[in-house]
Amino acid sequence: MPRPHETHPIEIRARAVAVHGEQMPLRVLHDIAGQVHACCHHSLLKSARLARGWTVSEAVARLAAAAEAAQLPVRGADDRAWRRWENGNPPDADYQDRLARLFETGPVQLGFATDYTPRSSGGDRMNRRDALRLGVAALVTPELLTSAAHEAREMTRRSEETDLGASSLAHLHQVIADYGRHYSRYSADELWRSALGDRRHVAGLLNMRATLAQRRELYVAAAWLSLVLAWAAHDRGETRTALAYAADARHHAGQAGHDEAVAWAWDVEATTWLYDDQPDRALHAAQQGAALAPAESAAQTRLTGQLARTHARLGHTRPATDSLRSLRGQAERQAPHVRGLFSTDAARTWSVAATTSLWLGHNEQARVFAEQAAETYGRDLRISPTRRAITELDLGIACARLGDPEQAVVHGLAAISTPRHSSAIVTRSSSLGMTLERIYPQAAVVTRFRQSLAELSRASGGDAINSRRGGIGGGS
């Protein structure tokens, strides 16, 4: 399994899909395969398969279909044979030909043969340099100097050519601002469909003529839209997709030198790893983001919260306590509530502090923090519905641990009644349910909550509650 900081084939392919869509040109597929081979040290055959996003079984099926389409004799390759080929045991000449047909390339590009075409030695470098110097000196004339000035002006003019009007970029900025401001108003599915269309639109704009400044703006816009897609995928419970779009956002923001967007990409990755029960990777992401987040920015506060809860989840008491202390100080300087996906406020900060305290085993402190957050969220049930539900569930866990199962169930039922469900709510609800089952196995209120959880599971797609490892949560 690759380390968190290593590039993964999924990330490489996801970046290309974000630009070209699923139906990529052959040259792009070959380029992806080359990148996978270079960065991940897979065999050329395996790199070609991963570039297309195929499993071994899918590749075997496609190989058979390609042979049938070419009216070749039937042969019986299976998954085991394919893995042998990828691991350095090349197939016979017939299968090499079939594989080359499948990937629309040659045996050299698949690692089955070596290209012995001689390369030019390039001649004597000193002679070439002298010849170039003498040749240029002989050609420089007043007429050419005038022509060179004209050429310089022409190059300047061409650098200013663009197919993008100011209104196009202004509209794009407004679209991104609307996603951030109104994210919680829409379901994850609605956000996914809409943002994916806009992200593909930006990919199309990047293929047009643009000035360097405009291209940088487009890269930043691509990063923000990929961040929206990463959060939507997370809310839909699609871990691999969320991580792929977080990587895409990080790539485009990094190319544009936009540290804040890079920090936000690490933030969504930290949350995604945490809910996937991989807190060590979540901690790495949080540390990377915290190192880049601008001072006193919303991203810095969010990543401080990530550090606090991931350290707590891993049992790192001192670092978690230090981060929690910093988080409490930041909460005192924040407005009670600020609308927006890329924002932070006192209510959310107290909510994350509650989760951190629960994982540290400080139940009374967790209850106080959660109540502070819940008081703000209770003023308007339309604000931050997912975070409000997570807060109610953490408050329920704190009450259950402190001997009040009735109140714990009240908070749990309030949480799962939210109109905007997400995988985070499903996972954290499961955590509250297990806490109640463990401490109060015979209580009638626990049975009532169990029944409500079953209804939530059906509404979320059958086995959604059991699809994740319990005990993870704390908020998106």
Protein backbone atom coordinates (compact mmCIF):
# COMPACT_ATOMS: atom_id res chain seq x y z
CA MET A 1 0.00 0.00 0.00
CA PRO A 2 1.49 3.39 -0.94
CA ARG A 3 2.45 5.85 1.75
CA PRO A 4 0.19 8.92 2.09
CA HIS A 5 2.67 11.26 0.43
CA GLU A 6 3.23 9.08 -2.63
CA THR A 7 1.44 9.65 -5.91
CA HIS A 8 -1.07 6.88 -6.60
CA PRO A 9 -2.15 5.64 -10.06
CA ILE A 10 -5.74 6.56 -9.17
CA GLU A 11 -4.66 10.17 -8.64
CA ILE A 12 -2.82 10.30 -11.97
CA ARG A 13 -5.82 8.92 -13.85
CA ALA A 14 -8.27 11.15 -11.94
CA ARG A 15 -6.38 14.28 -13.00
CA ALA A 16 -6.61 13.23 -16.63
CA VAL A 17 -10.32 12.36 -16.32
CA ALA A 18 -10.97 15.78 -14.78
CA VAL A 19 -9.51 17.39 -17.89
CA HIS A 20 -10.53 15.04 -20.70
CA GLY A 21 -13.50 13.09 -19.32
CA GLU A 22 -13.78 9.30 -19.27
CA GLN A 23 -13.42 8.97 -23.08
CA MET A 24 -9.76 10.00 -23.32
CA PRO A 25 -7.72 10.12 -26.53
CA LEU A 26 -5.24 7.30 -27.06
CA ARG A 27 -2.26 9.63 -26.68
CA VAL A 28 -3.52 10.66 -23.24
CA LEU A 29 -3.92 7.03 -22.17
CA HIS A 30 -0.35 6.30 -23.28
CA ASP A 31 0.85 9.36 -21.37
CA ILE A 32 -0.95 8.24 -18.20
CA ALA A 33 0.63 4.80 -18.52
CA GLY A 34 4.05 6.41 -18.80
CA GLN A 35 3.45 8.52 -15.68
CA VAL A 36 2.23 5.49 -13.70
CA HIS A 37 5.29 3.48 -14.77
CA ALA A 38 7.66 6.32 -13.86
CA CYS A 39 6.22 7.20 -10.46
CA CYS A 40 4.96 3.86 -9.16
CA HIS A 41 7.47 1.44 -10.75
CA HIS A 42 4.77 -0.89 -12.08
CA SER A 43 5.49 -2.98 -15.16
CA LEU A 44 4.61 -1.38 -18.47
CA LEU A 45 1.73 -3.82 -18.98
CA LYS A 46 0.26 -3.09 -15.56
CA SER A 47 0.72 0.65 -16.12
CA ALA A 48 -1.23 0.40 -19.38
CA ARG A 49 -4.06 -1.41 -17.59
CA LEU A 50 -4.18 1.07 -14.69
CA ALA A 51 -4.19 4.00 -17.13
CA ARG A 52 -7.54 2.71 -18.38
CA GLY A 53 -8.91 2.09 -14.89
CA TRP A 54 -9.42 -1.64 -15.49
CA THR A 55 -9.25 -4.39 -12.90
CA VAL A 56 -7.39 -7.56 -13.88
CA SER A 57 -10.68 -9.35 -14.49
CA GLU A 58 -11.92 -6.52 -16.71
CA ALA A 59 -8.67 -6.56 -18.69
CA VAL A 60 -8.94 -10.33 -19.25
CA ALA A 61 -12.52 -9.95 -20.45
CA ARG A 62 -11.55 -7.10 -22.81
CA LEU A 63 -8.65 -9.16 -24.17
CA ALA A 64 -11.04 -11.97 -25.06
CA ALA A 65 -13.51 -9.53 -26.61
CA ALA A 66 -10.77 -7.88 -28.71
CA ALA A 67 -9.61 -11.29 -29.97
CA GLU A 68 -13.17 -12.22 -30.89
CA ALA A 69 -13.63 -8.94 -32.75
CA ALA A 70 -10.43 -9.63 -34.70
CA GLN A 71 -11.66 -13.20 -35.41
CA LEU A 72 -8.64 -14.73 -33.71
CA PRO A 73 -8.70 -18.32 -32.38
CA VAL A 74 -10.14 -18.68 -28.90
CA ARG A 75 -7.57 -19.02 -26.11
CA GLY A 76 -8.17 -19.26 -22.38
CA ALA A 77 -6.21 -16.60 -20.49
CA ASP A 78 -7.36 -16.01 -16.92
CA ASP A 79 -6.64 -13.60 -14.06
CA ARG A 80 -3.72 -15.70 -12.81
CA ALA A 81 -2.03 -15.66 -16.23
CA TRP A 82 -2.49 -11.91 -16.54
CA ARG A 83 -0.87 -11.32 -13.16
CA ARG A 84 2.09 -13.47 -14.21
CA TRP A 85 2.52 -11.31 -17.30
CA GLU A 86 2.44 -8.14 -15.20
CA ASN A 87 4.96 -9.60 -12.75
CA GLY A 88 7.68 -10.19 -15.31
CA ASN A 89 6.76 -13.50 -16.97
CA PRO A 90 5.97 -12.41 -20.55
CA PRO A 91 3.38 -14.32 -22.59
CA ASP A 92 4.09 -16.11 -25.85
CA ALA A 93 4.31 -14.24 -29.14
CA ASP A 94 0.63 -14.77 -29.94
CA TYR A 95 -0.54 -13.23 -26.67
CA GLN A 96 1.97 -10.39 -27.06
CA ASP A 97 0.30 -9.59 -30.36
CA ARG A 98 -3.16 -9.77 -28.79
CA LEU A 99 -2.13 -7.47 -25.93
CA ALA A 100 -0.62 -4.98 -28.38
CA ARG A 101 -3.95 -4.99 -30.28
CA LEU A 102 -5.87 -4.45 -27.05
CA PHE A 103 -3.80 -1.45 -25.92
CA GLU A 104 -3.28 -0.15 -29.49
CA THR A 105 0.49 -0.07 -29.14
CA GLY A 106 3.51 -2.31 -29.72
CA PRO A 107 5.35 -4.98 -27.72
CA VAL A 108 8.17 -2.57 -26.88
CA GLN A 109 5.74 -0.18 -25.18
CA LEU A 110 4.31 -3.10 -23.16
CA GLY A 111 7.73 -4.24 -21.98
CA PHE A 112 7.93 -7.42 -24.07
CA ALA A 113 10.78 -6.31 -26.33
CA THR A 114 13.64 -3.81 -26.55
CA ASP A 115 14.01 -1.02 -29.11
CA TYR A 116 17.57 -1.15 -30.52
CA THR A 117 17.19 1.77 -32.92
CA PRO A 118 20.51 3.67 -32.73
CA ARG A 119 20.35 7.20 -31.40
CA SER A 120 22.26 10.04 -33.03
CA SER A 121 25.53 10.83 -31.25
CA GLY A 122 24.93 14.49 -31.93
CA GLY A 123 28.41 15.13 -33.42
CA ASP A 124 31.12 17.21 -31.90
CA ARG A 125 29.59 19.78 -29.57
CA MET A 126 32.40 22.29 -29.97
CA ASN A 127 32.21 22.19 -33.75
CA ARG A 128 28.44 22.64 -33.72
CA ARG A 129 28.71 25.57 -31.32
CA ASP A 130 31.39 27.29 -33.38
CA ALA A 131 29.43 26.74 -36.57
CA LEU A 132 26.35 28.22 -34.95
CA ARG A 133 28.29 31.25 -33.71
CA LEU A 134 29.90 31.91 -37.07
CA GLY A 135 26.69 31.35 -38.94
CA VAL A 136 24.77 33.82 -36.82
CA ALA A 137 27.50 36.46 -37.08
CA ALA A 138 27.41 36.20 -40.85
CA LEU A 139 23.66 36.58 -40.98
CA VAL A 140 23.18 39.61 -38.71
CA THR A 141 22.35 42.65 -40.86
CA PRO A 142 20.51 45.95 -40.18
CA GLU A 143 17.53 44.58 -42.03
CA LEU A 144 17.45 41.55 -39.74
CA LEU A 145 17.76 43.72 -36.64
CA THR A 146 14.66 45.61 -37.75
CA SER A 147 12.95 42.32 -38.42
CA ALA A 148 13.93 41.08 -34.95
CA ALA A 149 12.31 44.11 -33.33
CA HIS A 150 9.17 43.43 -35.30
CA GLU A 151 9.29 39.78 -34.21
CA ALA A 152 9.60 40.80 -30.55
CA ARG A 153 6.54 43.03 -30.86
CA GLU A 154 4.68 40.20 -32.57
CA MET A 155 5.55 37.77 -29.78
CA THR A 156 4.26 40.29 -27.24
CA ARG A 157 1.04 40.68 -29.16
CA ARG A 158 0.54 36.93 -29.35
CA SER A 159 1.11 36.56 -25.60
CA GLU A 160 -1.83 38.92 -25.10
CA GLU A 161 -4.17 36.96 -27.35
CA THR A 162 -6.99 35.21 -25.53
CA ASP A 163 -10.28 33.52 -26.24
CA LEU A 164 -11.55 34.38 -22.77
CA GLY A 165 -13.45 37.53 -21.98
CA ALA A 166 -13.44 39.18 -18.57
CA SER A 167 -17.10 38.23 -18.14
CA SER A 168 -16.27 34.51 -18.49
CA LEU A 169 -13.88 34.57 -15.56
CA ALA A 170 -16.16 36.84 -13.51
CA HIS A 171 -19.04 34.41 -14.01
CA LEU A 172 -16.80 31.51 -13.01
CA HIS A 173 -15.77 33.27 -9.81
CA GLN A 174 -19.44 33.85 -8.98
CA VAL A 175 -20.29 30.18 -9.57
CA ILE A 176 -17.52 29.06 -7.22
CA ALA A 177 -18.58 31.58 -4.57
CA ASP A 178 -22.15 30.28 -4.78
CA TYR A 179 -21.00 26.69 -4.24
CA GLY A 180 -19.12 27.71 -1.14
CA ARG A 181 -21.90 29.85 0.27
CA HIS A 182 -24.84 27.55 -0.46
CA TYR A 183 -23.23 24.10 -0.23
CA SER A 184 -25.45 22.88 2.62
CA ARG A 185 -28.68 23.81 0.83
CA TYR A 186 -28.38 20.99 -1.69
CA SER A 187 -28.00 17.25 -1.55
CA ALA A 188 -24.63 15.70 -2.25
CA ASP A 189 -26.01 14.20 -5.48
CA GLU A 190 -27.23 17.59 -6.73
CA LEU A 191 -23.90 19.20 -5.91
CA TRP A 192 -21.99 16.40 -7.60
CA ARG A 193 -23.88 16.67 -10.89
CA SER A 194 -23.68 20.45 -11.01
CA ALA A 195 -20.05 20.86 -9.95
CA LEU A 196 -18.88 18.09 -12.28
CA GLY A 197 -20.38 19.94 -15.23
CA ASP A 198 -18.68 23.17 -14.17
CA ARG A 199 -15.37 21.41 -13.60
CA ARG A 200 -15.50 19.96 -17.12
CA HIS A 201 -16.32 23.42 -18.44
CA VAL A 202 -13.12 24.76 -16.84
CA ALA A 203 -11.17 21.88 -18.39
CA GLY A 204 -12.50 23.01 -21.76
CA LEU A 205 -11.49 26.62 -21.09
CA LEU A 206 -7.96 25.46 -20.32
CA ASN A 207 -7.72 24.20 -23.91
CA MET A 208 -8.42 27.69 -25.25
CA ARG A 209 -6.02 30.55 -25.80
CA ALA A 210 -5.46 32.50 -22.57
CA THR A 211 -2.92 34.84 -21.05
CA LEU A 212 -0.67 33.54 -18.30
CA ALA A 213 -2.68 35.43 -15.68
CA GLN A 214 -5.94 34.01 -17.01
CA ARG A 215 -4.50 30.49 -17.07
CA ARG A 216 -3.51 30.83 -13.43
CA GLU A 217 -7.06 31.94 -12.58
CA LEU A 218 -8.42 28.92 -14.41
CA TYR A 219 -6.10 26.59 -12.48
CA VAL A 220 -7.31 28.09 -9.21
CA ALA A 221 -10.93 27.78 -10.35
CA ALA A 222 -10.31 24.14 -11.26
CA ALA A 223 -8.91 23.59 -7.77
CA TRP A 224 -11.95 25.10 -6.00
CA LEU A 225 -14.38 23.10 -8.12
CA SER A 226 -12.45 19.88 -7.48
CA LEU A 227 -12.66 20.68 -3.77
CA VAL A 228 -16.46 20.95 -4.04
CA LEU A 229 -16.47 17.60 -5.86
CA ALA A 230 -14.22 16.05 -3.20
CA TRP A 231 -16.61 17.13 -0.42
CA ALA A 232 -19.65 15.96 -2.39
CA ALA A 233 -18.00 12.58 -2.96
CA HIS A 234 -17.18 12.37 0.75
CA ASP A 235 -20.79 13.12 1.66
CA ARG A 236 -21.86 10.38 -0.77
CA GLY A 237 -19.52 7.92 0.96
CA GLU A 238 -17.21 7.57 -2.07
CA THR A 239 -13.77 7.56 -0.46
CA ARG A 240 -11.61 6.89 -3.52
CA THR A 241 -13.35 9.56 -5.56
CA ALA A 242 -13.06 12.11 -2.75
CA LEU A 243 -9.33 11.45 -2.46
CA ALA A 244 -8.85 11.65 -6.23
CA TYR A 245 -10.51 15.06 -6.48
CA ALA A 246 -8.64 16.29 -3.41
CA ALA A 247 -5.42 15.31 -5.20
CA ASP A 248 -6.61 17.07 -8.36
CA ALA A 249 -7.38 20.23 -6.38
CA ARG A 250 -3.97 20.08 -4.73
CA HIS A 251 -2.26 19.66 -8.11
CA HIS A 252 -3.97 22.60 -9.81
CA ALA A 253 -3.70 24.90 -6.80
CA GLY A 254 -0.04 23.99 -6.41
CA GLN A 255 0.66 24.74 -10.08
CA ALA A 256 -0.93 28.16 -9.56
CA GLY A 257 1.00 28.79 -6.33
CA HIS A 258 -2.25 29.10 -4.33
CA ASP A 259 -1.29 27.81 -0.87
CA GLU A 260 -4.70 28.41 0.66
CA ALA A 261 -6.49 26.14 -1.82
CA VAL A 262 -3.76 23.53 -1.35
CA ALA A 263 -4.38 23.69 2.41
CA TRP A 264 -8.12 23.19 1.88
CA ALA A 265 -7.35 20.15 -0.29
CA TRP A 266 -5.36 18.63 2.58
CA ASP A 267 -8.31 19.45 4.88
CA VAL A 268 -10.82 17.41 2.87
CA GLU A 269 -8.29 14.60 2.54
CA ALA A 270 -7.78 14.54 6.32
CA THR A 271 -11.52 14.21 6.90
CA THR A 272 -11.86 11.51 4.25
CA TRP A 273 -9.04 9.41 5.72
CA LEU A 274 -10.48 9.85 9.21
CA TYR A 275 -13.88 8.53 8.19
CA ASP A 276 -12.18 5.67 6.40
CA ASP A 277 -10.68 4.68 9.77
CA GLN A 278 -7.13 5.56 8.76
CA PRO A 279 -6.23 8.25 11.32
CA ASP A 280 -2.49 7.98 10.64
CA ARG A 281 -3.08 9.13 7.06
CA ALA A 282 -5.53 11.74 8.29
CA LEU A 283 -2.85 13.12 10.61
CA HIS A 284 -0.31 13.30 7.78
CA ALA A 285 -2.78 15.24 5.62
CA ALA A 286 -3.60 17.61 8.48
CA GLN A 287 0.07 18.30 9.13
CA GLN A 288 0.74 18.99 5.44
CA GLY A 289 -2.19 21.39 5.25
CA ALA A 290 -1.41 23.17 8.50
CA ALA A 291 2.11 23.91 7.25
CA LEU A 292 0.67 25.76 4.22
CA ALA A 293 -2.48 27.42 5.57
CA PRO A 294 -2.16 31.23 5.75
CA ALA A 295 -1.91 32.61 9.27
CA GLU A 296 -5.25 33.42 10.95
CA SER A 297 -7.18 32.08 7.96
CA ALA A 298 -10.26 29.87 8.07
CA ALA A 299 -8.15 27.07 6.61
CA GLN A 300 -5.68 27.37 9.49
CA THR A 301 -8.47 27.03 12.06
CA ARG A 302 -9.99 24.05 10.25
CA LEU A 303 -6.63 22.28 10.07
CA THR A 304 -5.90 23.01 13.73
CA GLY A 305 -9.15 21.17 14.43
CA GLN A 306 -8.01 18.32 12.19
CA LEU A 307 -4.75 18.06 14.15
CA ALA A 308 -6.62 18.04 17.45
CA ARG A 309 -9.06 15.29 16.59
CA THR A 310 -6.65 13.07 14.66
CA HIS A 311 -4.07 13.21 17.46
CA ALA A 312 -6.88 12.36 19.89
CA ARG A 313 -8.09 9.50 17.69
CA LEU A 314 -4.55 8.08 17.68
CA GLY A 315 -4.21 8.45 21.46
CA HIS A 316 -1.58 11.21 21.24
CA THR A 317 -2.71 12.98 24.42
CA ARG A 318 -0.19 15.83 24.62
CA PRO A 319 -0.35 16.97 20.96
CA ALA A 320 -4.15 16.64 21.00
CA THR A 321 -4.38 18.72 24.17
CA ASP A 322 -2.05 21.39 22.77
CA SER A 323 -4.06 21.61 19.53
CA LEU A 324 -7.29 21.72 21.51
CA ARG A 325 -5.97 24.62 23.58
CA SER A 326 -5.10 26.51 20.39
CA LEU A 327 -8.51 25.68 18.94
CA ARG A 328 -10.33 27.06 22.00
CA GLY A 329 -8.38 30.29 21.73
CA GLN A 330 -9.35 30.67 18.08
CA ALA A 331 -13.01 30.01 18.86
CA GLU A 332 -13.11 32.96 21.24
CA ARG A 333 -12.16 35.31 18.38
CA GLN A 334 -14.67 33.96 15.85
CA ALA A 335 -18.24 34.90 14.97
CA PRO A 336 -20.87 32.44 16.29
CA HIS A 337 -21.77 31.29 12.78
CA VAL A 338 -20.50 32.05 9.28
CA ARG A 339 -22.15 30.50 6.25
CA GLY A 340 -19.95 28.74 3.73
CA LEU A 341 -18.08 25.55 2.89
CA PHE A 342 -14.69 27.29 3.03
CA SER A 343 -15.24 29.11 6.29
CA THR A 344 -15.08 28.49 9.98
CA ASP A 345 -16.87 29.87 13.02
CA ALA A 346 -17.16 29.40 16.79
CA ALA A 347 -19.95 26.83 16.53
CA ARG A 348 -17.98 24.50 14.27
CA THR A 349 -14.83 25.00 16.32
CA TRP A 350 -16.66 24.02 19.53
CA SER A 351 -18.13 21.02 17.71
CA VAL A 352 -14.69 19.74 16.66
CA ALA A 353 -13.45 20.39 20.20
CA ALA A 354 -16.28 18.17 21.47
CA THR A 355 -15.23 15.30 19.19
CA THR A 356 -11.61 15.71 20.29
CA SER A 357 -12.62 15.64 23.96
CA LEU A 358 -14.67 12.47 23.46
CA TRP A 359 -11.68 10.68 21.95
CA LEU A 360 -9.52 11.91 24.82
CA GLY A 361 -12.08 10.45 27.25
CA HIS A 362 -13.02 13.86 28.68
CA ASN A 363 -16.77 13.32 28.59
CA GLU A 364 -17.93 16.26 30.70
CA GLN A 365 -15.74 18.65 28.72
CA ALA A 366 -17.11 17.17 25.49
CA ARG A 367 -20.67 17.75 26.70
CA VAL A 368 -19.93 21.42 27.48
CA PHE A 369 -18.30 22.02 24.09
CA ALA A 370 -21.12 20.28 22.23
CA GLU A 371 -23.77 22.26 24.10
CA GLN A 372 -22.03 25.50 23.16
CA ALA A 373 -22.11 24.54 19.51
CA ALA A 374 -25.67 23.17 19.65
CA GLU A 375 -26.93 26.43 21.14
CA THR A 376 -25.79 28.34 18.05
CA TYR A 377 -27.06 25.73 15.60
CA GLY A 378 -30.41 25.61 17.40
CA ARG A 379 -31.15 29.22 16.50
CA ASP A 380 -31.80 28.28 12.88
CA LEU A 381 -32.10 24.64 11.81
CA ARG A 382 -31.19 25.58 8.23
CA ILE A 383 -27.61 26.52 9.04
CA SER A 384 -24.91 23.85 8.69
CA PRO A 385 -27.31 20.87 8.95
CA THR A 386 -24.56 18.23 8.69
CA ARG A 387 -22.36 19.84 11.32
CA ARG A 388 -25.40 20.40 13.55
CA ALA A 389 -26.27 16.70 13.31
CA ILE A 390 -22.69 15.66 14.13
CA THR A 391 -22.79 17.96 17.15
CA GLU A 392 -26.05 16.40 18.37
CA LEU A 393 -24.56 12.92 17.99
CA ASP A 394 -21.42 13.84 19.92
CA LEU A 395 -23.61 15.36 22.59
CA GLY A 396 -25.58 12.11 22.65
CA ILE A 397 -22.41 10.05 23.13
CA ALA A 398 -21.30 12.34 25.97
CA CYS A 399 -24.72 12.01 27.68
CA ALA A 400 -24.66 8.22 27.28
CA ARG A 401 -21.22 7.99 28.89
CA LEU A 402 -22.34 10.32 31.69
CA GLY A 403 -25.33 8.13 32.62
CA ASP A 404 -28.23 9.75 30.77
CA PRO A 405 -29.41 7.37 28.01
CA GLU A 406 -32.77 9.13 27.62
CA GLN A 407 -31.15 12.45 26.78
CA ALA A 408 -28.62 10.67 24.57
CA VAL A 409 -31.43 9.21 22.46
CA VAL A 410 -33.16 12.61 22.27
CA HIS A 411 -30.02 14.10 20.75
CA GLY A 412 -29.53 11.10 18.47
CA LEU A 413 -33.07 11.28 17.10
CA ALA A 414 -32.69 15.02 16.50
CA ALA A 415 -29.52 14.33 14.50
CA ILE A 416 -30.88 11.64 12.21
CA SER A 417 -34.00 13.66 11.45
CA THR A 418 -31.94 16.15 9.45
CA PRO A 419 -33.18 16.55 5.87
CA ARG A 420 -29.61 16.54 4.51
CA HIS A 421 -28.11 13.11 5.08
CA SER A 422 -24.45 12.34 4.49
CA SER A 423 -22.13 9.44 5.15
CA ALA A 424 -20.70 11.35 8.13
CA ILE A 425 -24.09 11.35 9.86
CA VAL A 426 -24.62 7.66 9.12
CA THR A 427 -21.20 6.75 10.52
CA ARG A 428 -21.47 8.87 13.65
CA SER A 429 -25.02 7.63 14.31
CA SER A 430 -23.64 4.11 14.27
CA SER A 431 -21.05 5.16 16.85
CA LEU A 432 -23.77 6.50 19.17
CA GLY A 433 -25.81 3.34 18.66
CA MET A 434 -22.88 1.10 19.64
CA THR A 435 -22.19 3.24 22.70
CA LEU A 436 -25.81 2.88 23.86
CA GLU A 437 -25.86 -0.86 23.14
CA ARG A 438 -22.69 -1.40 25.13
CA ILE A 439 -23.68 0.61 28.22
CA TYR A 440 -27.48 0.12 28.26
CA PRO A 441 -28.22 -3.12 26.38
CA GLN A 442 -31.67 -3.61 27.95
CA ALA A 443 -32.98 -0.03 27.96
CA ALA A 444 -36.22 0.61 26.07
CA VAL A 445 -34.95 3.93 24.71
CA VAL A 446 -32.04 2.10 23.14
CA THR A 447 -34.44 -0.18 21.29
CA ARG A 448 -36.23 2.89 20.00
CA PHE A 449 -32.99 4.39 18.73
CA ARG A 450 -31.99 1.06 17.16
CA GLN A 451 -35.23 1.08 15.16
CA SER A 452 -34.60 4.65 14.00
CA LEU A 453 -31.10 3.66 12.90
CA ALA A 454 -32.55 0.83 10.85
CA GLU A 455 -34.81 3.33 9.08
CA LEU A 456 -31.82 5.61 8.44
CA SER A 457 -29.91 2.65 7.01
CA ARG A 458 -32.71 1.89 4.58
CA ALA A 459 -32.94 5.56 3.56
CA SER A 460 -29.16 5.67 3.03
CA GLY A 461 -28.96 2.62 0.82
CA GLY A 462 -29.46 -0.56 2.81
CA ASP A 463 -26.31 -1.41 4.71
CA ALA A 464 -24.83 2.07 4.87
CA ILE A 465 -24.47 2.02 8.64
CA ASN A 466 -22.58 -1.24 8.63
CA SER A 467 -20.44 -0.41 5.63
CA ARG A 468 -17.89 1.48 7.69
CA ARG A 469 -15.90 0.54 10.72
CA GLY A 470 -17.59 1.87 13.83
CA GLY A 471 -16.30 4.60 16.08
CA ILE A 472 -15.19 6.93 13.34
CA GLY A 473 -16.62 10.37 13.02
CA GLY A 474 -16.42 13.86 14.20
CA GLY A 475 -17.61 15.81 11.25
CA SER A 476 -17.03 16.79 7.72
